[in-house]
Each structure stands twice: as structure tokens, then as C-alpha cells.
Full PDB file with SEQRES, HELIX, SHEET, SSBOND, CRYST1, ORIGX, SCALE, CONECT and MASTER records, all heavy atoms in Angstrom:
SEQRES   1 A   41  THR ALA LEU LEU ASP ARG LEU GLY ASN PRO HIS HIS ARG          
SEQRES   2 A   41  TYR PRO SER ILE HIS VAL THR GLY THR ASN GLY LYS GLY          
SEQRES   3 A   41  SER VAL CYS ALA MET THR ALA SER ILE LEU GLN ALA GLN          
SEQRES   4 A   41  GLY TYR                                                      
HELIX    1 AA1 ALA A    2  ARG A    6  1                                   5    
HELIX    2 AA2 PRO A   10  HIS A   12  5                                   3    
HELIX    3 AA3 LYS A   25  ALA A   38  1                                  14    
CRYST1    1.000    1.000    1.000  90.00  90.00  90.00 P 1           1          
ORIGX1      1.000000  0.000000  0.000000        0.00000                         
ORIGX2      0.000000  1.000000  0.000000        0.00000                         
ORIGX3      0.000000  0.000000  1.000000        0.00000                         
SCALE1      1.000000  0.000000  0.000000        0.00000                         
SCALE2      0.000000  1.000000  0.000000        0.00000                         
SCALE3      0.000000  0.000000  1.000000        0.00000                         
ATOM      1  N   THR A   1    -149.058 200.838  11.200  1.00  0.00           N  
ATOM      2  CA  THR A   1    -149.956 201.787  10.524  1.00  0.00           C  
ATOM      3  C   THR A   1    -149.830 203.175  11.143  1.00  0.00           C  
ATOM      4  O   THR A   1    -149.773 204.189  10.428  1.00  0.00           O  
ATOM      5  CB  THR A   1    -151.410 201.298  10.604  1.00  0.00           C  
ATOM      6  OG1 THR A   1    -151.510 200.029   9.924  1.00  0.00           O  
ATOM      7  CG2 THR A   1    -152.366 202.281   9.948  1.00  0.00           C  
ATOM      8  N   ALA A   2    -149.760 203.236  12.479  1.00  0.00           N  
ATOM      9  CA  ALA A   2    -149.614 204.523  13.154  1.00  0.00           C  
ATOM     10  C   ALA A   2    -148.266 205.169  12.824  1.00  0.00           C  
ATOM     11  O   ALA A   2    -148.185 206.384  12.584  1.00  0.00           O  
ATOM     12  CB  ALA A   2    -149.749 204.336  14.663  1.00  0.00           C  
ATOM     13  N   LEU A   3    -147.203 204.375  12.786  1.00  0.00           N  
ATOM     14  CA  LEU A   3    -145.881 204.901  12.446  1.00  0.00           C  
ATOM     15  C   LEU A   3    -145.880 205.502  11.046  1.00  0.00           C  
ATOM     16  O   LEU A   3    -145.368 206.604  10.817  1.00  0.00           O  
ATOM     17  CB  LEU A   3    -144.831 203.796  12.526  1.00  0.00           C  
ATOM     18  CG  LEU A   3    -144.306 203.395  13.905  1.00  0.00           C  
ATOM     19  CD1 LEU A   3    -143.451 202.135  13.794  1.00  0.00           C  
ATOM     20  CD2 LEU A   3    -143.495 204.514  14.525  1.00  0.00           C  
ATOM     21  N   LEU A   4    -146.452 204.773  10.108  1.00  0.00           N  
ATOM     22  CA  LEU A   4    -146.445 205.229   8.719  1.00  0.00           C  
ATOM     23  C   LEU A   4    -147.367 206.424   8.514  1.00  0.00           C  
ATOM     24  O   LEU A   4    -147.090 207.288   7.675  1.00  0.00           O  
ATOM     25  CB  LEU A   4    -146.807 204.065   7.794  1.00  0.00           C  
ATOM     26  CG  LEU A   4    -145.735 202.972   7.704  1.00  0.00           C  
ATOM     27  CD1 LEU A   4    -146.289 201.725   7.020  1.00  0.00           C  
ATOM     28  CD2 LEU A   4    -144.500 203.471   6.969  1.00  0.00           C  
ATOM     29  N   ASP A   5    -148.458 206.476   9.257  1.00  0.00           N  
ATOM     30  CA  ASP A   5    -149.337 207.653   9.199  1.00  0.00           C  
ATOM     31  C   ASP A   5    -148.568 208.917   9.564  1.00  0.00           C  
ATOM     32  O   ASP A   5    -148.731 209.967   8.935  1.00  0.00           O  
ATOM     33  CB  ASP A   5    -150.525 207.475  10.146  1.00  0.00           C  
ATOM     34  CG  ASP A   5    -151.639 206.634   9.546  1.00  0.00           C  
ATOM     35  OD1 ASP A   5    -151.621 206.425   8.316  1.00  0.00           O  
ATOM     36  OD2 ASP A   5    -152.506 206.172  10.306  1.00  0.00           O  
ATOM     37  N   ARG A   6    -147.719 208.816  10.609  1.00  0.00           N  
ATOM     38  CA  ARG A   6    -146.925 209.974  11.034  1.00  0.00           C  
ATOM     39  C   ARG A   6    -145.965 210.432   9.938  1.00  0.00           C  
ATOM     40  O   ARG A   6    -145.566 211.595   9.898  1.00  0.00           O  
ATOM     41  CB  ARG A   6    -146.132 209.639  12.303  1.00  0.00           C  
ATOM     42  CG  ARG A   6    -146.973 209.158  13.478  1.00  0.00           C  
ATOM     43  CD  ARG A   6    -147.671 210.297  14.196  1.00  0.00           C  
ATOM     44  NE  ARG A   6    -148.485 209.798  15.309  1.00  0.00           N  
ATOM     45  CZ  ARG A   6    -148.059 209.674  16.558  1.00  0.00           C  
ATOM     46  NH1 ARG A   6    -146.807 209.991  16.860  1.00  0.00           N  
ATOM     47  NH2 ARG A   6    -148.857 209.218  17.499  1.00  0.00           N  
ATOM     48  N   LEU A   7    -145.575 209.499   9.071  1.00  0.00           N  
ATOM     49  CA  LEU A   7    -144.631 209.816   7.990  1.00  0.00           C  
ATOM     50  C   LEU A   7    -145.329 210.212   6.699  1.00  0.00           C  
ATOM     51  O   LEU A   7    -144.673 210.504   5.693  1.00  0.00           O  
ATOM     52  CB  LEU A   7    -143.731 208.605   7.719  1.00  0.00           C  
ATOM     53  CG  LEU A   7    -142.787 208.174   8.855  1.00  0.00           C  
ATOM     54  CD1 LEU A   7    -142.103 206.860   8.502  1.00  0.00           C  
ATOM     55  CD2 LEU A   7    -141.752 209.253   9.137  1.00  0.00           C  
ATOM     56  N   GLY A   8    -146.644 210.198   6.693  1.00  0.00           N  
ATOM     57  CA  GLY A   8    -147.375 210.520   5.471  1.00  0.00           C  
ATOM     58  C   GLY A   8    -147.537 209.337   4.536  1.00  0.00           C  
ATOM     59  O   GLY A   8    -147.725 209.516   3.325  1.00  0.00           O  
ATOM     60  N   ASN A   9    -147.467 208.141   5.085  1.00  0.00           N  
ATOM     61  CA  ASN A   9    -147.684 206.901   4.315  1.00  0.00           C  
ATOM     62  C   ASN A   9    -146.788 206.806   3.074  1.00  0.00           C  
ATOM     63  O   ASN A   9    -147.260 206.735   1.938  1.00  0.00           O  
ATOM     64  CB  ASN A   9    -149.160 206.761   3.932  1.00  0.00           C  
ATOM     65  CG  ASN A   9    -150.033 206.543   5.148  1.00  0.00           C  
ATOM     66  OD1 ASN A   9    -149.755 205.677   5.976  1.00  0.00           O  
ATOM     67  ND2 ASN A   9    -151.077 207.349   5.279  1.00  0.00           N  
ATOM     68  N   PRO A  10    -145.479 206.769   3.297  1.00  0.00           N  
ATOM     69  CA  PRO A  10    -144.546 206.720   2.166  1.00  0.00           C  
ATOM     70  C   PRO A  10    -144.682 205.459   1.312  1.00  0.00           C  
ATOM     71  O   PRO A  10    -144.355 205.482   0.125  1.00  0.00           O  
ATOM     72  CB  PRO A  10    -143.174 206.761   2.847  1.00  0.00           C  
ATOM     73  CG  PRO A  10    -143.414 206.239   4.242  1.00  0.00           C  
ATOM     74  CD  PRO A  10    -144.774 206.749   4.596  1.00  0.00           C  
ATOM     75  N   HIS A  11    -145.190 204.368   1.877  1.00  0.00           N  
ATOM     76  CA  HIS A  11    -145.298 203.105   1.142  1.00  0.00           C  
ATOM     77  C   HIS A  11    -146.357 203.156   0.044  1.00  0.00           C  
ATOM     78  O   HIS A  11    -146.439 202.235  -0.766  1.00  0.00           O  
ATOM     79  CB  HIS A  11    -145.612 201.966   2.106  1.00  0.00           C  
ATOM     80  CG  HIS A  11    -146.839 202.176   2.940  1.00  0.00           C  
ATOM     81  ND1 HIS A  11    -147.013 203.263   3.763  1.00  0.00           N  
ATOM     82  CD2 HIS A  11    -147.976 201.433   3.070  1.00  0.00           C  
ATOM     83  CE1 HIS A  11    -148.171 203.180   4.368  1.00  0.00           C  
ATOM     84  NE2 HIS A  11    -148.784 202.090   3.964  1.00  0.00           N  
ATOM     85  N   HIS A  12    -147.155 204.226   0.008  1.00  0.00           N  
ATOM     86  CA  HIS A  12    -148.157 204.383  -1.052  1.00  0.00           C  
ATOM     87  C   HIS A  12    -147.591 205.092  -2.284  1.00  0.00           C  
ATOM     88  O   HIS A  12    -148.307 205.261  -3.271  1.00  0.00           O  
ATOM     89  CB  HIS A  12    -149.354 205.185  -0.528  1.00  0.00           C  
ATOM     90  CG  HIS A  12    -150.145 204.461   0.519  1.00  0.00           C  
ATOM     91  ND1 HIS A  12    -151.021 205.112   1.362  1.00  0.00           N  
ATOM     92  CD2 HIS A  12    -150.192 203.156   0.858  1.00  0.00           C  
ATOM     93  CE1 HIS A  12    -151.570 204.227   2.183  1.00  0.00           C  
ATOM     94  NE2 HIS A  12    -151.078 203.037   1.889  1.00  0.00           N  
ATOM     95  N   ARG A  13    -146.323 205.478  -2.248  1.00  0.00           N  
ATOM     96  CA  ARG A  13    -145.752 206.304  -3.320  1.00  0.00           C  
ATOM     97  C   ARG A  13    -145.057 205.488  -4.416  1.00  0.00           C  
ATOM     98  O   ARG A  13    -144.537 206.075  -5.360  1.00  0.00           O  
ATOM     99  CB  ARG A  13    -144.758 207.310  -2.728  1.00  0.00           C  
ATOM    100  CG  ARG A  13    -145.375 208.245  -1.705  1.00  0.00           C  
ATOM    101  CD  ARG A  13    -144.343 209.224  -1.173  1.00  0.00           C  
ATOM    102  NE  ARG A  13    -144.700 209.698   0.160  1.00  0.00           N  
ATOM    103  CZ  ARG A  13    -143.888 210.384   0.950  1.00  0.00           C  
ATOM    104  NH1 ARG A  13    -142.675 210.704   0.517  1.00  0.00           N  
ATOM    105  NH2 ARG A  13    -144.276 210.758   2.157  1.00  0.00           N  
ATOM    106  N   TYR A  14    -145.036 204.178  -4.285  1.00  0.00           N  
ATOM    107  CA  TYR A  14    -144.360 203.337  -5.276  1.00  0.00           C  
ATOM    108  C   TYR A  14    -144.985 201.945  -5.246  1.00  0.00           C  
ATOM    109  O   TYR A  14    -145.537 201.518  -4.223  1.00  0.00           O  
ATOM    110  CB  TYR A  14    -142.850 203.231  -4.970  1.00  0.00           C  
ATOM    111  CG  TYR A  14    -142.549 203.051  -3.498  1.00  0.00           C  
ATOM    112  CD1 TYR A  14    -142.667 201.808  -2.876  1.00  0.00           C  
ATOM    113  CD2 TYR A  14    -142.182 204.140  -2.708  1.00  0.00           C  
ATOM    114  CE1 TYR A  14    -142.410 201.657  -1.532  1.00  0.00           C  
ATOM    115  CE2 TYR A  14    -141.927 204.002  -1.358  1.00  0.00           C  
ATOM    116  CZ  TYR A  14    -142.045 202.750  -0.767  1.00  0.00           C  
ATOM    117  OH  TYR A  14    -141.807 202.600   0.573  1.00  0.00           O  
ATOM    118  N   PRO A  15    -144.938 201.222  -6.365  1.00  0.00           N  
ATOM    119  CA  PRO A  15    -145.444 199.846  -6.378  1.00  0.00           C  
ATOM    120  C   PRO A  15    -144.462 198.905  -5.675  1.00  0.00           C  
ATOM    121  O   PRO A  15    -143.262 199.208  -5.574  1.00  0.00           O  
ATOM    122  CB  PRO A  15    -145.548 199.519  -7.873  1.00  0.00           C  
ATOM    123  CG  PRO A  15    -144.529 200.402  -8.512  1.00  0.00           C  
ATOM    124  CD  PRO A  15    -144.473 201.665  -7.690  1.00  0.00           C  
ATOM    125  N   SER A  16    -144.988 197.785  -5.210  1.00  0.00           N  
ATOM    126  CA  SER A  16    -144.158 196.846  -4.455  1.00  0.00           C  
ATOM    127  C   SER A  16    -144.376 195.405  -4.915  1.00  0.00           C  
ATOM    128  O   SER A  16    -145.465 195.037  -5.355  1.00  0.00           O  
ATOM    129  CB  SER A  16    -144.474 196.936  -2.956  1.00  0.00           C  
ATOM    130  OG  SER A  16    -144.193 198.215  -2.442  1.00  0.00           O  
ATOM    131  N   ILE A  17    -143.329 194.628  -4.770  1.00  0.00           N  
ATOM    132  CA  ILE A  17    -143.387 193.168  -4.878  1.00  0.00           C  
ATOM    133  C   ILE A  17    -143.205 192.638  -3.468  1.00  0.00           C  
ATOM    134  O   ILE A  17    -142.242 193.002  -2.777  1.00  0.00           O  
ATOM    135  CB  ILE A  17    -142.281 192.642  -5.803  1.00  0.00           C  
ATOM    136  CG1 ILE A  17    -142.409 193.252  -7.196  1.00  0.00           C  
ATOM    137  CG2 ILE A  17    -142.319 191.124  -5.892  1.00  0.00           C  
ATOM    138  CD1 ILE A  17    -141.156 193.103  -8.030  1.00  0.00           C  
ATOM    139  N   HIS A  18    -144.106 191.801  -3.012  1.00  0.00           N  
ATOM    140  CA  HIS A  18    -144.122 191.342  -1.623  1.00  0.00           C  
ATOM    141  C   HIS A  18    -143.868 189.840  -1.615  1.00  0.00           C  
ATOM    142  O   HIS A  18    -144.588 189.084  -2.283  1.00  0.00           O  
ATOM    143  CB  HIS A  18    -145.492 191.658  -1.009  1.00  0.00           C  
ATOM    144  CG  HIS A  18    -145.494 191.753   0.477  1.00  0.00           C  
ATOM    145  ND1 HIS A  18    -146.654 191.869   1.207  1.00  0.00           N  
ATOM    146  CD2 HIS A  18    -144.485 191.746   1.387  1.00  0.00           C  
ATOM    147  CE1 HIS A  18    -146.363 191.953   2.484  1.00  0.00           C  
ATOM    148  NE2 HIS A  18    -145.043 191.870   2.623  1.00  0.00           N  
ATOM    149  N   VAL A  19    -142.858 189.397  -0.862  1.00  0.00           N  
ATOM    150  CA  VAL A  19    -142.424 187.996  -0.917  1.00  0.00           C  
ATOM    151  C   VAL A  19    -142.433 187.391   0.476  1.00  0.00           C  
ATOM    152  O   VAL A  19    -141.793 187.902   1.398  1.00  0.00           O  
ATOM    153  CB  VAL A  19    -141.014 187.875  -1.527  1.00  0.00           C  
ATOM    154  CG1 VAL A  19    -140.612 186.404  -1.658  1.00  0.00           C  
ATOM    155  CG2 VAL A  19    -140.947 188.562  -2.892  1.00  0.00           C  
ATOM    156  N   THR A  20    -143.148 186.270   0.608  1.00  0.00           N  
ATOM    157  CA  THR A  20    -143.149 185.509   1.854  1.00  0.00           C  
ATOM    158  C   THR A  20    -142.782 184.061   1.565  1.00  0.00           C  
ATOM    159  O   THR A  20    -142.633 183.657   0.419  1.00  0.00           O  
ATOM    160  CB  THR A  20    -144.523 185.603   2.557  1.00  0.00           C  
ATOM    161  OG1 THR A  20    -144.412 185.022   3.868  1.00  0.00           O  
ATOM    162  CG2 THR A  20    -145.607 184.870   1.782  1.00  0.00           C  
ATOM    163  N   GLY A  21    -142.662 183.278   2.630  1.00  0.00           N  
ATOM    164  CA  GLY A  21    -142.291 181.875   2.509  1.00  0.00           C  
ATOM    165  C   GLY A  21    -141.404 181.501   3.680  1.00  0.00           C  
ATOM    166  O   GLY A  21    -140.914 182.367   4.405  1.00  0.00           O  
ATOM    167  N   THR A  22    -141.202 180.218   3.877  1.00  0.00           N  
ATOM    168  CA  THR A  22    -140.331 179.771   4.970  1.00  0.00           C  
ATOM    169  C   THR A  22    -138.875 179.804   4.534  1.00  0.00           C  
ATOM    170  O   THR A  22    -138.012 180.323   5.238  1.00  0.00           O  
ATOM    171  CB  THR A  22    -140.718 178.357   5.426  1.00  0.00           C  
ATOM    172  OG1 THR A  22    -142.107 178.332   5.738  1.00  0.00           O  
ATOM    173  CG2 THR A  22    -139.915 177.946   6.648  1.00  0.00           C  
ATOM    174  N   ASN A  23    -138.570 179.239   3.384  1.00  0.00           N  
ATOM    175  CA  ASN A  23    -137.223 179.252   2.831  1.00  0.00           C  
ATOM    176  C   ASN A  23    -137.281 179.780   1.397  1.00  0.00           C  
ATOM    177  O   ASN A  23    -138.265 179.575   0.691  1.00  0.00           O  
ATOM    178  CB  ASN A  23    -136.614 177.848   2.838  1.00  0.00           C  
ATOM    179  CG  ASN A  23    -136.414 177.315   4.249  1.00  0.00           C  
ATOM    180  OD1 ASN A  23    -135.817 177.965   5.091  1.00  0.00           O  
ATOM    181  ND2 ASN A  23    -136.928 176.118   4.514  1.00  0.00           N  
ATOM    182  N   GLY A  24    -136.223 180.462   0.985  1.00  0.00           N  
ATOM    183  CA  GLY A  24    -136.116 180.918  -0.394  1.00  0.00           C  
ATOM    184  C   GLY A  24    -136.526 182.354  -0.622  1.00  0.00           C  
ATOM    185  O   GLY A  24    -136.205 182.926  -1.670  1.00  0.00           O  
ATOM    186  N   LYS A  25    -137.205 182.977   0.339  1.00  0.00           N  
ATOM    187  CA  LYS A  25    -137.720 184.320   0.057  1.00  0.00           C  
ATOM    188  C   LYS A  25    -136.606 185.346  -0.083  1.00  0.00           C  
ATOM    189  O   LYS A  25    -136.692 186.262  -0.901  1.00  0.00           O  
ATOM    190  CB  LYS A  25    -138.752 184.757   1.100  1.00  0.00           C  
ATOM    191  CG  LYS A  25    -138.300 184.823   2.543  1.00  0.00           C  
ATOM    192  CD  LYS A  25    -139.473 185.187   3.441  1.00  0.00           C  
ATOM    193  CE  LYS A  25    -139.059 185.348   4.901  1.00  0.00           C  
ATOM    194  NZ  LYS A  25    -138.630 184.062   5.509  1.00  0.00           N  
ATOM    195  N   GLY A  26    -135.529 185.202   0.687  1.00  0.00           N  
ATOM    196  CA  GLY A  26    -134.418 186.134   0.558  1.00  0.00           C  
ATOM    197  C   GLY A  26    -133.748 186.039  -0.797  1.00  0.00           C  
ATOM    198  O   GLY A  26    -133.403 187.062  -1.416  1.00  0.00           O  
ATOM    199  N   SER A  27    -133.564 184.812  -1.293  1.00  0.00           N  
ATOM    200  CA  SER A  27    -132.952 184.619  -2.606  1.00  0.00           C  
ATOM    201  C   SER A  27    -133.847 185.156  -3.712  1.00  0.00           C  
ATOM    202  O   SER A  27    -133.371 185.802  -4.661  1.00  0.00           O  
ATOM    203  CB  SER A  27    -132.669 183.129  -2.840  1.00  0.00           C  
ATOM    204  OG  SER A  27    -131.725 182.636  -1.907  1.00  0.00           O  
ATOM    205  N   VAL A  28    -135.145 184.900  -3.612  1.00  0.00           N  
ATOM    206  CA  VAL A  28    -136.086 185.400  -4.624  1.00  0.00           C  
ATOM    207  C   VAL A  28    -136.085 186.925  -4.631  1.00  0.00           C  
ATOM    208  O   VAL A  28    -136.079 187.557  -5.698  1.00  0.00           O  
ATOM    209  CB  VAL A  28    -137.497 184.834  -4.367  1.00  0.00           C  
ATOM    210  CG1 VAL A  28    -138.540 185.584  -5.189  1.00  0.00           C  
ATOM    211  CG2 VAL A  28    -137.527 183.347  -4.692  1.00  0.00           C  
ATOM    212  N   CYS A  29    -136.069 187.550  -3.460  1.00  0.00           N  
ATOM    213  CA  CYS A  29    -136.023 189.014  -3.391  1.00  0.00           C  
ATOM    214  C   CYS A  29    -134.751 189.555  -4.026  1.00  0.00           C  
ATOM    215  O   CYS A  29    -134.791 190.516  -4.810  1.00  0.00           O  
ATOM    216  CB  CYS A  29    -136.113 189.475  -1.936  1.00  0.00           C  
ATOM    217  SG  CYS A  29    -137.760 189.370  -1.205  1.00  0.00           S  
ATOM    218  N   ALA A  30    -133.619 188.942  -3.699  1.00  0.00           N  
ATOM    219  CA  ALA A  30    -132.341 189.433  -4.222  1.00  0.00           C  
ATOM    220  C   ALA A  30    -132.274 189.298  -5.740  1.00  0.00           C  
ATOM    221  O   ALA A  30    -131.847 190.230  -6.436  1.00  0.00           O  
ATOM    222  CB  ALA A  30    -131.190 188.677  -3.568  1.00  0.00           C  
ATOM    223  N   MET A  31    -132.704 188.163  -6.261  1.00  0.00           N  
ATOM    224  CA  MET A  31    -132.671 187.977  -7.715  1.00  0.00           C  
ATOM    225  C   MET A  31    -133.615 188.941  -8.413  1.00  0.00           C  
ATOM    226  O   MET A  31    -133.274 189.532  -9.445  1.00  0.00           O  
ATOM    227  CB  MET A  31    -133.023 186.525  -8.069  1.00  0.00           C  
ATOM    228  CG  MET A  31    -131.887 185.541  -7.849  1.00  0.00           C  
ATOM    229  SD  MET A  31    -132.220 183.904  -8.580  1.00  0.00           S  
ATOM    230  CE  MET A  31    -132.960 183.077  -7.191  1.00  0.00           C  
ATOM    231  N   THR A  32    -134.810 189.111  -7.857  1.00  0.00           N  
ATOM    232  CA  THR A  32    -135.791 190.018  -8.469  1.00  0.00           C  
ATOM    233  C   THR A  32    -135.275 191.451  -8.487  1.00  0.00           C  
ATOM    234  O   THR A  32    -135.344 192.147  -9.509  1.00  0.00           O  
ATOM    235  CB  THR A  32    -137.127 189.941  -7.711  1.00  0.00           C  
ATOM    236  OG1 THR A  32    -137.611 188.590  -7.728  1.00  0.00           O  
ATOM    237  CG2 THR A  32    -138.166 190.850  -8.341  1.00  0.00           C  
ATOM    238  N   ALA A  33    -134.757 191.898  -7.359  1.00  0.00           N  
ATOM    239  CA  ALA A  33    -134.232 193.265  -7.293  1.00  0.00           C  
ATOM    240  C   ALA A  33    -133.054 193.448  -8.250  1.00  0.00           C  
ATOM    241  O   ALA A  33    -132.929 194.498  -8.901  1.00  0.00           O  
ATOM    242  CB  ALA A  33    -133.799 193.588  -5.864  1.00  0.00           C  
ATOM    243  N   SER A  34    -132.200 192.441  -8.374  1.00  0.00           N  
ATOM    244  CA  SER A  34    -131.007 192.557  -9.218  1.00  0.00           C  
ATOM    245  C   SER A  34    -131.353 192.653 -10.699  1.00  0.00           C  
ATOM    246  O   SER A  34    -130.756 193.445 -11.439  1.00  0.00           O  
ATOM    247  CB  SER A  34    -130.071 191.374  -8.971  1.00  0.00           C  
ATOM    248  OG  SER A  34    -129.512 191.432  -7.675  1.00  0.00           O  
ATOM    249  N   ILE A  35    -132.329 191.858 -11.148  1.00  0.00           N  
ATOM    250  CA  ILE A  35    -132.652 191.923 -12.579  1.00  0.00           C  
ATOM    251  C   ILE A  35    -133.369 193.230 -12.915  1.00  0.00           C  
ATOM    252  O   ILE A  35    -133.180 193.794 -13.992  1.00  0.00           O  
ATOM    253  CB  ILE A  35    -133.466 190.696 -13.047  1.00  0.00           C  
ATOM    254  CG1 ILE A  35    -134.870 190.662 -12.443  1.00  0.00           C  
ATOM    255  CG2 ILE A  35    -132.713 189.402 -12.747  1.00  0.00           C  
ATOM    256  CD1 ILE A  35    -135.772 189.596 -13.044  1.00  0.00           C  
ATOM    257  N   LEU A  36    -134.184 193.733 -11.981  1.00  0.00           N  
ATOM    258  CA  LEU A  36    -134.838 195.032 -12.203  1.00  0.00           C  
ATOM    259  C   LEU A  36    -133.799 196.155 -12.245  1.00  0.00           C  
ATOM    260  O   LEU A  36    -133.876 197.061 -13.082  1.00  0.00           O  
ATOM    261  CB  LEU A  36    -135.864 195.294 -11.106  1.00  0.00           C  
ATOM    262  CG  LEU A  36    -137.166 194.482 -11.190  1.00  0.00           C  
ATOM    263  CD1 LEU A  36    -137.920 194.546  -9.869  1.00  0.00           C  
ATOM    264  CD2 LEU A  36    -138.050 194.967 -12.331  1.00  0.00           C  
ATOM    265  N   GLN A  37    -132.814 196.076 -11.357  1.00  0.00           N  
ATOM    266  CA  GLN A  37    -131.768 197.089 -11.357  1.00  0.00           C  
ATOM    267  C   GLN A  37    -130.960 197.030 -12.649  1.00  0.00           C  
ATOM    268  O   GLN A  37    -130.607 198.070 -13.225  1.00  0.00           O  
ATOM    269  CB  GLN A  37    -130.837 196.891 -10.163  1.00  0.00           C  
ATOM    270  CG  GLN A  37    -129.722 197.927 -10.122  1.00  0.00           C  
ATOM    271  CD  GLN A  37    -128.865 197.803  -8.896  1.00  0.00           C  
ATOM    272  OE1 GLN A  37    -129.349 197.440  -7.828  1.00  0.00           O  
ATOM    273  NE2 GLN A  37    -127.580 198.108  -9.030  1.00  0.00           N  
ATOM    274  N   ALA A  38    -130.666 195.815 -13.127  1.00  0.00           N  
ATOM    275  CA  ALA A  38    -129.893 195.685 -14.361  1.00  0.00           C  
ATOM    276  C   ALA A  38    -130.628 196.304 -15.548  1.00  0.00           C  
ATOM    277  O   ALA A  38    -129.995 196.769 -16.500  1.00  0.00           O  
ATOM    278  CB  ALA A  38    -129.596 194.210 -14.634  1.00  0.00           C  
ATOM    279  N   GLN A  39    -131.945 196.328 -15.482  1.00  0.00           N  
ATOM    280  CA  GLN A  39    -132.735 196.930 -16.551  1.00  0.00           C  
ATOM    281  C   GLN A  39    -132.731 198.459 -16.467  1.00  0.00           C  
ATOM    282  O   GLN A  39    -133.158 199.138 -17.401  1.00  0.00           O  
ATOM    283  CB  GLN A  39    -134.172 196.398 -16.495  1.00  0.00           C  
ATOM    284  CG  GLN A  39    -135.063 196.837 -17.637  1.00  0.00           C  
ATOM    285  CD  GLN A  39    -134.569 196.359 -18.991  1.00  0.00           C  
ATOM    286  OE1 GLN A  39    -134.227 195.193 -19.151  1.00  0.00           O  
ATOM    287  NE2 GLN A  39    -134.523 197.262 -19.973  1.00  0.00           N  
ATOM    288  N   GLY A  40    -132.259 198.991 -15.342  1.00  0.00           N  
ATOM    289  CA  GLY A  40    -132.172 200.438 -15.208  1.00  0.00           C  
ATOM    290  C   GLY A  40    -133.183 201.055 -14.269  1.00  0.00           C  
ATOM    291  O   GLY A  40    -133.209 202.284 -14.103  1.00  0.00           O  
ATOM    292  N   TYR A  41    -134.024 200.243 -13.620  1.00  0.00           N  
ATOM    293  CA  TYR A  41    -134.982 200.781 -12.658  1.00  0.00           C  
ATOM    294  C   TYR A  41    -134.271 201.089 -11.332  1.00  0.00           C  
ATOM    295  O   TYR A  41    -133.292 200.433 -10.964  1.00  0.00           O  
ATOM    296  CB  TYR A  41    -136.116 199.789 -12.420  1.00  0.00           C  
ATOM    297  CG  TYR A  41    -136.856 199.387 -13.675  1.00  0.00           C  
ATOM    298  CD1 TYR A  41    -136.815 198.081 -14.150  1.00  0.00           C  
ATOM    299  CD2 TYR A  41    -137.584 200.328 -14.408  1.00  0.00           C  
ATOM    300  CE1 TYR A  41    -137.483 197.707 -15.311  1.00  0.00           C  
ATOM    301  CE2 TYR A  41    -138.246 199.974 -15.562  1.00  0.00           C  
ATOM    302  CZ  TYR A  41    -138.189 198.661 -16.019  1.00  0.00           C  
ATOM    303  OH  TYR A  41    -138.841 198.310 -17.174  1.00  0.00           O  
TER     304      TYR A  41                                                      
MASTER        0    0    0    3    0    0    0    6  303    1    0    4          
END                                                                             
């Protein structure tokens, strides 16, 4: 929080998808990002 405060809280400037889990989270993130990119975002 202190680090981001010094930067002006850049994480508040865009919406986020947040993924946790023990296994599978990396694959879910990669697939989600790829389909959004294919749409042009």
C-alpha cells in the first residue's frame, strides 16, 4: 500500500480480474488474457 501510494495508486486506473487457487490459476489467467486480447482489448 505504501509503495503504491508513492506511485499515485496506479492500480485504481483500470478494472482487474483477480485469480487465486493452488493449481490452475496461471492457465486461467493466460486463457482469460488471450481471449480478451483477441477481441481487441
